[in-house]
Amino acid sequence: AETPDAPGCGAPVAYPGRYDAEPQIVYGCVD
């Protein structure tokens, strides 16, 4: 509000949407 031109004071960035995650993750451990 005091320094509107400062870096990062613009409109906030949002990331709406659906995203996938890869690759396949496999892990196991035993007694």
PDB file of all heavy atoms in Angstrom:
ATOM      1  N   ALA A   1       0.834  -1.209   0.000  1.00  0.00           N
ATOM      2  CA  ALA A   1       0.000   0.000   0.000  1.00  0.00           C
ATOM      3  C   ALA A   1       0.864   1.253   0.000  1.00  0.00           C
ATOM      4  O   ALA A   1       0.446   2.306  -0.493  1.00  0.00           O
ATOM      5  CB  ALA A   1      -0.924  -0.004   1.228  1.00  0.00           C
ATOM      6  N   GLU A   2       2.067   1.137   0.539  1.00  0.00           N
ATOM      7  CA  GLU A   2       2.959   2.293   0.596  1.00  0.00           C
ATOM      8  C   GLU A   2       3.858   2.369  -0.631  1.00  0.00           C
ATOM      9  O   GLU A   2       4.200   3.455  -1.086  1.00  0.00           O
ATOM     10  CB  GLU A   2       3.812   2.228   1.865  1.00  0.00           C
ATOM     11  CG  GLU A   2       2.996   2.273   3.150  1.00  0.00           C
ATOM     12  CD  GLU A   2       3.862   2.073   4.373  1.00  0.00           C
ATOM     13  OE1 GLU A   2       5.073   1.764   4.203  1.00  0.00           O
ATOM     14  OE2 GLU A   2       3.352   2.195   5.505  1.00  0.00           O
ATOM     15  N   THR A   3       4.275   1.188  -1.160  1.00  0.00           N
ATOM     16  CA  THR A   3       5.147   1.161  -2.352  1.00  0.00           C
ATOM     17  C   THR A   3       4.549   0.194  -3.358  1.00  0.00           C
ATOM     18  O   THR A   3       5.013  -0.925  -3.526  1.00  0.00           O
ATOM     19  CB  THR A   3       6.571   0.742  -1.969  1.00  0.00           C
ATOM     20  OG1 THR A   3       6.495  -0.521  -1.284  1.00  0.00           O
ATOM     21  CG2 THR A   3       7.239   1.766  -1.073  1.00  0.00           C
ATOM     22  N   PRO A   4       3.464   0.604  -4.021  1.00  0.00           N
ATOM     23  CA  PRO A   4       2.767  -0.324  -4.952  1.00  0.00           C
ATOM     24  C   PRO A   4       3.614  -0.766  -6.126  1.00  0.00           C
ATOM     25  O   PRO A   4       3.332  -1.791  -6.740  1.00  0.00           O
ATOM     26  CB  PRO A   4       1.549   0.485  -5.392  1.00  0.00           C
ATOM     27  CG  PRO A   4       1.942   1.924  -5.182  1.00  0.00           C
ATOM     28  CD  PRO A   4       2.822   1.942  -3.982  1.00  0.00           C
ATOM     29  N   ASP A   5       4.668  -0.013  -6.429  1.00  0.00           N
ATOM     30  CA  ASP A   5       5.492  -0.386  -7.584  1.00  0.00           C
ATOM     31  C   ASP A   5       6.626  -1.331  -7.215  1.00  0.00           C
ATOM     32  O   ASP A   5       7.431  -1.709  -8.070  1.00  0.00           O
ATOM     33  CB  ASP A   5       6.094   0.879  -8.215  1.00  0.00           C
ATOM     34  CG  ASP A   5       5.019   1.795  -8.799  1.00  0.00           C
ATOM     35  OD1 ASP A   5       3.953   1.264  -9.188  1.00  0.00           O
ATOM     36  OD2 ASP A   5       5.250   3.011  -8.837  1.00  0.00           O
ATOM     37  N   ALA A   6       6.713  -1.713  -5.954  1.00  0.00           N
ATOM     38  CA  ALA A   6       7.805  -2.604  -5.529  1.00  0.00           C
ATOM     39  C   ALA A   6       7.626  -3.989  -6.163  1.00  0.00           C
ATOM     40  O   ALA A   6       6.502  -4.420  -6.449  1.00  0.00           O
ATOM     41  CB  ALA A   6       7.831  -2.726  -4.011  1.00  0.00           C
ATOM     42  N   PRO A   7       8.756  -4.725  -6.388  1.00  0.00           N
ATOM     43  CA  PRO A   7       8.658  -6.079  -6.977  1.00  0.00           C
ATOM     44  C   PRO A   7       7.773  -6.963  -6.110  1.00  0.00           C
ATOM     45  O   PRO A   7       7.897  -6.991  -4.894  1.00  0.00           O
ATOM     46  CB  PRO A   7      10.110  -6.569  -6.976  1.00  0.00           C
ATOM     47  CG  PRO A   7      10.927  -5.325  -6.980  1.00  0.00           C
ATOM     48  CD  PRO A   7      10.155  -4.314  -6.184  1.00  0.00           C
ATOM     49  N   GLY A   8       6.835  -7.667  -6.776  1.00  0.00           N
ATOM     50  CA  GLY A   8       5.960  -8.595  -6.081  1.00  0.00           C
ATOM     51  C   GLY A   8       4.671  -7.978  -5.616  1.00  0.00           C
ATOM     52  O   GLY A   8       3.806  -8.686  -5.081  1.00  0.00           O
ATOM     53  N   CYS A   9       4.505  -6.649  -5.771  1.00  0.00           N
ATOM     54  CA  CYS A   9       3.286  -6.003  -5.300  1.00  0.00           C
ATOM     55  C   CYS A   9       2.183  -6.030  -6.334  1.00  0.00           C
ATOM     56  O   CYS A   9       1.129  -5.436  -6.131  1.00  0.00           O
ATOM     57  CB  CYS A   9       3.582  -4.551  -4.898  1.00  0.00           C
ATOM     58  SG  CYS A   9       4.405  -4.441  -3.281  1.00  0.00           S
ATOM     59  N   GLY A  10       2.378  -6.675  -7.464  1.00  0.00           N
ATOM     60  CA  GLY A  10       1.323  -6.811  -8.448  1.00  0.00           C
ATOM     61  C   GLY A  10       0.282  -7.802  -7.986  1.00  0.00           C
ATOM     62  O   GLY A  10       0.302  -8.305  -6.865  1.00  0.00           O
ATOM     63  N   ALA A  11      -0.644  -8.119  -8.849  1.00  0.00           N
ATOM     64  CA  ALA A  11      -1.707  -9.072  -8.507  1.00  0.00           C
ATOM     65  C   ALA A  11      -1.095 -10.433  -8.217  1.00  0.00           C
ATOM     66  O   ALA A  11      -0.177 -10.872  -8.895  1.00  0.00           O
ATOM     67  CB  ALA A  11      -2.701  -9.173  -9.666  1.00  0.00           C
ATOM     68  N   PRO A  12      -1.555 -11.138  -7.160  1.00  0.00           N
ATOM     69  CA  PRO A  12      -1.003 -12.459  -6.835  1.00  0.00           C
ATOM     70  C   PRO A  12      -1.251 -13.471  -7.942  1.00  0.00           C
ATOM     71  O   PRO A  12      -2.267 -13.419  -8.624  1.00  0.00           O
ATOM     72  CB  PRO A  12      -1.737 -12.843  -5.550  1.00  0.00           C
ATOM     73  CG  PRO A  12      -3.003 -12.057  -5.584  1.00  0.00           C
ATOM     74  CD  PRO A  12      -2.669 -10.766  -6.258  1.00  0.00           C
ATOM     75  N   VAL A  13      -0.277 -14.367  -8.086  1.00  0.00           N
ATOM     76  CA  VAL A  13      -0.370 -15.397  -9.123  1.00  0.00           C
ATOM     77  C   VAL A  13      -1.093 -16.605  -8.547  1.00  0.00           C
ATOM     78  O   VAL A  13      -0.732 -17.097  -7.471  1.00  0.00           O
ATOM     79  CB  VAL A  13       1.030 -15.812  -9.617  1.00  0.00           C
ATOM     80  CG1 VAL A  13       0.920 -16.889 -10.677  1.00  0.00           C
ATOM     81  CG2 VAL A  13       1.740 -14.588 -10.171  1.00  0.00           C
ATOM     82  N   ALA A  14      -2.095 -17.074  -9.189  1.00  0.00           N
ATOM     83  CA  ALA A  14      -2.811 -18.287  -8.753  1.00  0.00           C
ATOM     84  C   ALA A  14      -2.685 -19.339  -9.833  1.00  0.00           C
ATOM     85  O   ALA A  14      -2.470 -19.032 -11.004  1.00  0.00           O
ATOM     86  CB  ALA A  14      -4.274 -17.956  -8.478  1.00  0.00           C
ATOM     87  N   TYR A  15      -2.802 -20.594  -9.432  1.00  0.00           N
ATOM     88  CA  TYR A  15      -2.644 -21.690 -10.374  1.00  0.00           C
ATOM     89  C   TYR A  15      -3.870 -22.600 -10.293  1.00  0.00           C
ATOM     90  O   TYR A  15      -3.796 -23.719  -9.777  1.00  0.00           O
ATOM     91  CB  TYR A  15      -1.371 -22.478 -10.062  1.00  0.00           C
ATOM     92  CG  TYR A  15      -0.114 -21.659 -10.246  1.00  0.00           C
ATOM     93  CD1 TYR A  15       0.383 -20.899  -9.201  1.00  0.00           C
ATOM     94  CD2 TYR A  15       0.546 -21.637 -11.465  1.00  0.00           C
ATOM     95  CE1 TYR A  15       1.517 -20.140  -9.352  1.00  0.00           C
ATOM     96  CE2 TYR A  15       1.687 -20.873 -11.631  1.00  0.00           C
ATOM     97  CZ  TYR A  15       2.170 -20.122 -10.571  1.00  0.00           C
ATOM     98  OH  TYR A  15       3.301 -19.374 -10.717  1.00  0.00           O
ATOM     99  N   PRO A  16      -5.001 -22.148 -10.758  1.00  0.00           N
ATOM    100  CA  PRO A  16      -6.186 -23.027 -10.722  1.00  0.00           C
ATOM    101  C   PRO A  16      -6.079 -24.087 -11.806  1.00  0.00           C
ATOM    102  O   PRO A  16      -5.476 -23.889 -12.853  1.00  0.00           O
ATOM    103  CB  PRO A  16      -7.341 -22.060 -10.972  1.00  0.00           C
ATOM    104  CG  PRO A  16      -6.731 -20.972 -11.818  1.00  0.00           C
ATOM    105  CD  PRO A  16      -5.313 -20.818 -11.336  1.00  0.00           C
ATOM    106  N   GLY A  17      -6.651 -25.227 -11.547  1.00  0.00           N
ATOM    107  CA  GLY A  17      -6.647 -26.312 -12.525  1.00  0.00           C
ATOM    108  C   GLY A  17      -6.295 -27.627 -11.877  1.00  0.00           C
ATOM    109  O   GLY A  17      -6.087 -27.727 -10.669  1.00  0.00           O
ATOM    110  N   ARG A  18      -6.222 -28.695 -12.700  1.00  0.00           N
ATOM    111  CA  ARG A  18      -5.878 -30.030 -12.218  1.00  0.00           C
ATOM    112  C   ARG A  18      -4.562 -30.450 -12.882  1.00  0.00           C
ATOM    113  O   ARG A  18      -4.352 -30.225 -14.065  1.00  0.00           O
ATOM    114  CB  ARG A  18      -6.988 -31.019 -12.558  1.00  0.00           C
ATOM    115  CG  ARG A  18      -6.693 -32.449 -12.121  1.00  0.00           C
ATOM    116  CD  ARG A  18      -7.926 -33.323 -12.183  1.00  0.00           C
ATOM    117  NE  ARG A  18      -8.940 -32.880 -11.233  1.00  0.00           N
ATOM    118  CZ  ARG A  18      -8.917 -33.172  -9.929  1.00  0.00           C
ATOM    119  NH1 ARG A  18      -7.942 -33.921  -9.454  1.00  0.00           N
ATOM    120  NH2 ARG A  18      -9.841 -32.732  -9.120  1.00  0.00           N
ATOM    121  N   TYR A  19      -3.688 -31.073 -12.061  1.00  0.00           N
ATOM    122  CA  TYR A  19      -2.354 -31.420 -12.530  1.00  0.00           C
ATOM    123  C   TYR A  19      -2.068 -32.887 -12.213  1.00  0.00           C
ATOM    124  O   TYR A  19      -2.509 -33.420 -11.180  1.00  0.00           O
ATOM    125  CB  TYR A  19      -1.306 -30.544 -11.838  1.00  0.00           C
ATOM    126  CG  TYR A  19      -1.495 -29.067 -12.106  1.00  0.00           C
ATOM    127  CD1 TYR A  19      -2.400 -28.327 -11.348  1.00  0.00           C
ATOM    128  CD2 TYR A  19      -0.784 -28.421 -13.114  1.00  0.00           C
ATOM    129  CE1 TYR A  19      -2.590 -26.979 -11.587  1.00  0.00           C
ATOM    130  CE2 TYR A  19      -0.961 -27.074 -13.348  1.00  0.00           C
ATOM    131  CZ  TYR A  19      -1.867 -26.348 -12.586  1.00  0.00           C
ATOM    132  OH  TYR A  19      -2.039 -25.014 -12.817  1.00  0.00           O
ATOM    133  N   ASP A  20      -1.308 -33.556 -13.110  1.00  0.00           N
ATOM    134  CA  ASP A  20      -0.917 -34.940 -12.831  1.00  0.00           C
ATOM    135  C   ASP A  20       0.483 -34.970 -12.213  1.00  0.00           C
ATOM    136  O   ASP A  20       1.144 -33.946 -12.102  1.00  0.00           O
ATOM    137  CB  ASP A  20      -0.963 -35.797 -14.103  1.00  0.00           C
ATOM    138  CG  ASP A  20       0.049 -35.333 -15.158  1.00  0.00           C
ATOM    139  OD1 ASP A  20       0.863 -34.428 -14.860  1.00  0.00           O
ATOM    140  OD2 ASP A  20       0.034 -35.868 -16.275  1.00  0.00           O
ATOM    141  N   ALA A  21       0.869 -36.199 -11.758  1.00  0.00           N
ATOM    142  CA  ALA A  21       2.193 -36.394 -11.154  1.00  0.00           C
ATOM    143  C   ALA A  21       2.790 -37.684 -11.686  1.00  0.00           C
ATOM    144  O   ALA A  21       2.145 -38.733 -11.687  1.00  0.00           O
ATOM    145  CB  ALA A  21       2.086 -36.445  -9.627  1.00  0.00           C
ATOM    146  N   GLU A  22       4.015 -37.631 -12.164  1.00  0.00           N
ATOM    147  CA  GLU A  22       4.716 -38.788 -12.709  1.00  0.00           C
ATOM    148  C   GLU A  22       6.155 -38.757 -12.195  1.00  0.00           C
ATOM    149  O   GLU A  22       6.642 -37.711 -11.748  1.00  0.00           O
ATOM    150  CB  GLU A  22       4.688 -38.742 -14.247  1.00  0.00           C
ATOM    151  CG  GLU A  22       3.309 -38.871 -14.840  1.00  0.00           C
ATOM    152  CD  GLU A  22       3.347 -38.841 -16.368  1.00  0.00           C
ATOM    153  OE1 GLU A  22       4.399 -38.419 -16.905  1.00  0.00           O
ATOM    154  OE2 GLU A  22       2.375 -39.230 -16.984  1.00  0.00           O
ATOM    155  N   PRO A  23       6.940 -39.852 -12.259  1.00  0.00           N
ATOM    156  CA  PRO A  23       6.597 -41.169 -12.826  1.00  0.00           C
ATOM    157  C   PRO A  23       6.008 -42.085 -11.754  1.00  0.00           C
ATOM    158  O   PRO A  23       5.700 -41.656 -10.646  1.00  0.00           O
ATOM    159  CB  PRO A  23       7.962 -41.702 -13.268  1.00  0.00           C
ATOM    160  CG  PRO A  23       8.881 -41.133 -12.217  1.00  0.00           C
ATOM    161  CD  PRO A  23       8.337 -39.765 -11.891  1.00  0.00           C
ATOM    162  N   GLN A  24       5.880 -43.395 -12.096  1.00  0.00           N
ATOM    163  CA  GLN A  24       5.400 -44.373 -11.128  1.00  0.00           C
ATOM    164  C   GLN A  24       6.408 -44.486  -9.971  1.00  0.00           C
ATOM    165  O   GLN A  24       7.616 -44.475 -10.166  1.00  0.00           O
ATOM    166  CB  GLN A  24       5.243 -45.744 -11.788  1.00  0.00           C
ATOM    167  CG  GLN A  24       4.810 -46.837 -10.830  1.00  0.00           C
ATOM    168  CD  GLN A  24       4.744 -48.193 -11.514  1.00  0.00           C
ATOM    169  OE1 GLN A  24       4.927 -48.282 -12.710  1.00  0.00           O
ATOM    170  NE2 GLN A  24       4.478 -49.218 -10.746  1.00  0.00           N
ATOM    171  N   ILE A  25       5.920 -44.587  -8.721  1.00  0.00           N
ATOM    172  CA  ILE A  25       6.764 -44.680  -7.533  1.00  0.00           C
ATOM    173  C   ILE A  25       6.539 -46.039  -6.888  1.00  0.00           C
ATOM    174  O   ILE A  25       5.405 -46.378  -6.537  1.00  0.00           O
ATOM    175  CB  ILE A  25       6.442 -43.550  -6.544  1.00  0.00           C
ATOM    176  CG1 ILE A  25       6.721 -42.191  -7.199  1.00  0.00           C
ATOM    177  CG2 ILE A  25       7.228 -43.707  -5.253  1.00  0.00           C
ATOM    178  CD1 ILE A  25       6.219 -41.022  -6.393  1.00  0.00           C
ATOM    179  N   VAL A  26       7.613 -46.836  -6.768  1.00  0.00           N
ATOM    180  CA  VAL A  26       7.519 -48.176  -6.186  1.00  0.00           C
ATOM    181  C   VAL A  26       8.544 -48.283  -5.060  1.00  0.00           C
ATOM    182  O   VAL A  26       9.711 -47.975  -5.259  1.00  0.00           O
ATOM    183  CB  VAL A  26       7.781 -49.274  -7.239  1.00  0.00           C
ATOM    184  CG1 VAL A  26       7.701 -50.655  -6.586  1.00  0.00           C
ATOM    185  CG2 VAL A  26       6.770 -49.173  -8.377  1.00  0.00           C
ATOM    186  N   TYR A  27       8.096 -48.719  -3.865  1.00  0.00           N
ATOM    187  CA  TYR A  27       9.017 -48.891  -2.733  1.00  0.00           C
ATOM    188  C   TYR A  27       8.461 -49.938  -1.785  1.00  0.00           C
ATOM    189  O   TYR A  27       7.254 -50.035  -1.585  1.00  0.00           O
ATOM    190  CB  TYR A  27       9.205 -47.576  -1.974  1.00  0.00           C
ATOM    191  CG  TYR A  27      10.049 -47.722  -0.732  1.00  0.00           C
ATOM    192  CD1 TYR A  27      11.408 -47.986  -0.841  1.00  0.00           C
ATOM    193  CD2 TYR A  27       9.491 -47.639   0.532  1.00  0.00           C
ATOM    194  CE1 TYR A  27      12.194 -48.146   0.291  1.00  0.00           C
ATOM    195  CE2 TYR A  27      10.268 -47.792   1.669  1.00  0.00           C
ATOM    196  CZ  TYR A  27      11.626 -48.050   1.550  1.00  0.00           C
ATOM    197  OH  TYR A  27      12.389 -48.217   2.657  1.00  0.00           O
ATOM    198  N   GLY A  28       9.349 -50.749  -1.217  1.00  0.00           N
ATOM    199  CA  GLY A  28       8.943 -51.754  -0.241  1.00  0.00           C
ATOM    200  C   GLY A  28      10.052 -52.000   0.765  1.00  0.00           C
ATOM    201  O   GLY A  28      11.223 -51.805   0.483  1.00  0.00           O
ATOM    202  N   CYS A  29       9.684 -52.427   1.978  1.00  0.00           N
ATOM    203  CA  CYS A  29      10.661 -52.793   2.999  1.00  0.00           C
ATOM    204  C   CYS A  29      10.085 -53.917   3.852  1.00  0.00           C
ATOM    205  O   CYS A  29       8.861 -54.103   3.898  1.00  0.00           O
ATOM    206  CB  CYS A  29      11.052 -51.593   3.856  1.00  0.00           C
ATOM    207  SG  CYS A  29       9.659 -50.719   4.617  1.00  0.00           S
ATOM    208  N   VAL A  30      10.980 -54.691   4.518  1.00  0.00           N
ATOM    209  CA  VAL A  30      10.557 -55.907   5.211  1.00  0.00           C
ATOM    210  C   VAL A  30      11.103 -55.924   6.636  1.00  0.00           C
ATOM    211  O   VAL A  30      12.022 -55.190   6.986  1.00  0.00           O
ATOM    212  CB  VAL A  30      11.033 -57.180   4.471  1.00  0.00           C
ATOM    213  CG1 VAL A  30      10.441 -57.256   3.092  1.00  0.00           C
ATOM    214  CG2 VAL A  30      12.560 -57.214   4.395  1.00  0.00           C
ATOM    215  N   ASP A  31      10.534 -56.816   7.448  1.00  0.00           N
ATOM    216  CA  ASP A  31      10.980 -57.080   8.812  1.00  0.00           C
ATOM    217  C   ASP A  31      12.296 -57.852   8.762  1.00  0.00           C
ATOM    218  O   ASP A  31      12.402 -58.869   8.074  1.00  0.00           O
ATOM    219  CB  ASP A  31       9.906 -57.896   9.544  1.00  0.00           C
ATOM    220  CG  ASP A  31      10.218 -58.043  11.025  1.00  0.00           C
ATOM    221  OD1 ASP A  31      11.312 -58.546  11.331  1.00  0.00           O
ATOM    222  OD2 ASP A  31       9.367 -57.682  11.850  1.00  0.00           O
TER     223      ASP A  31
END
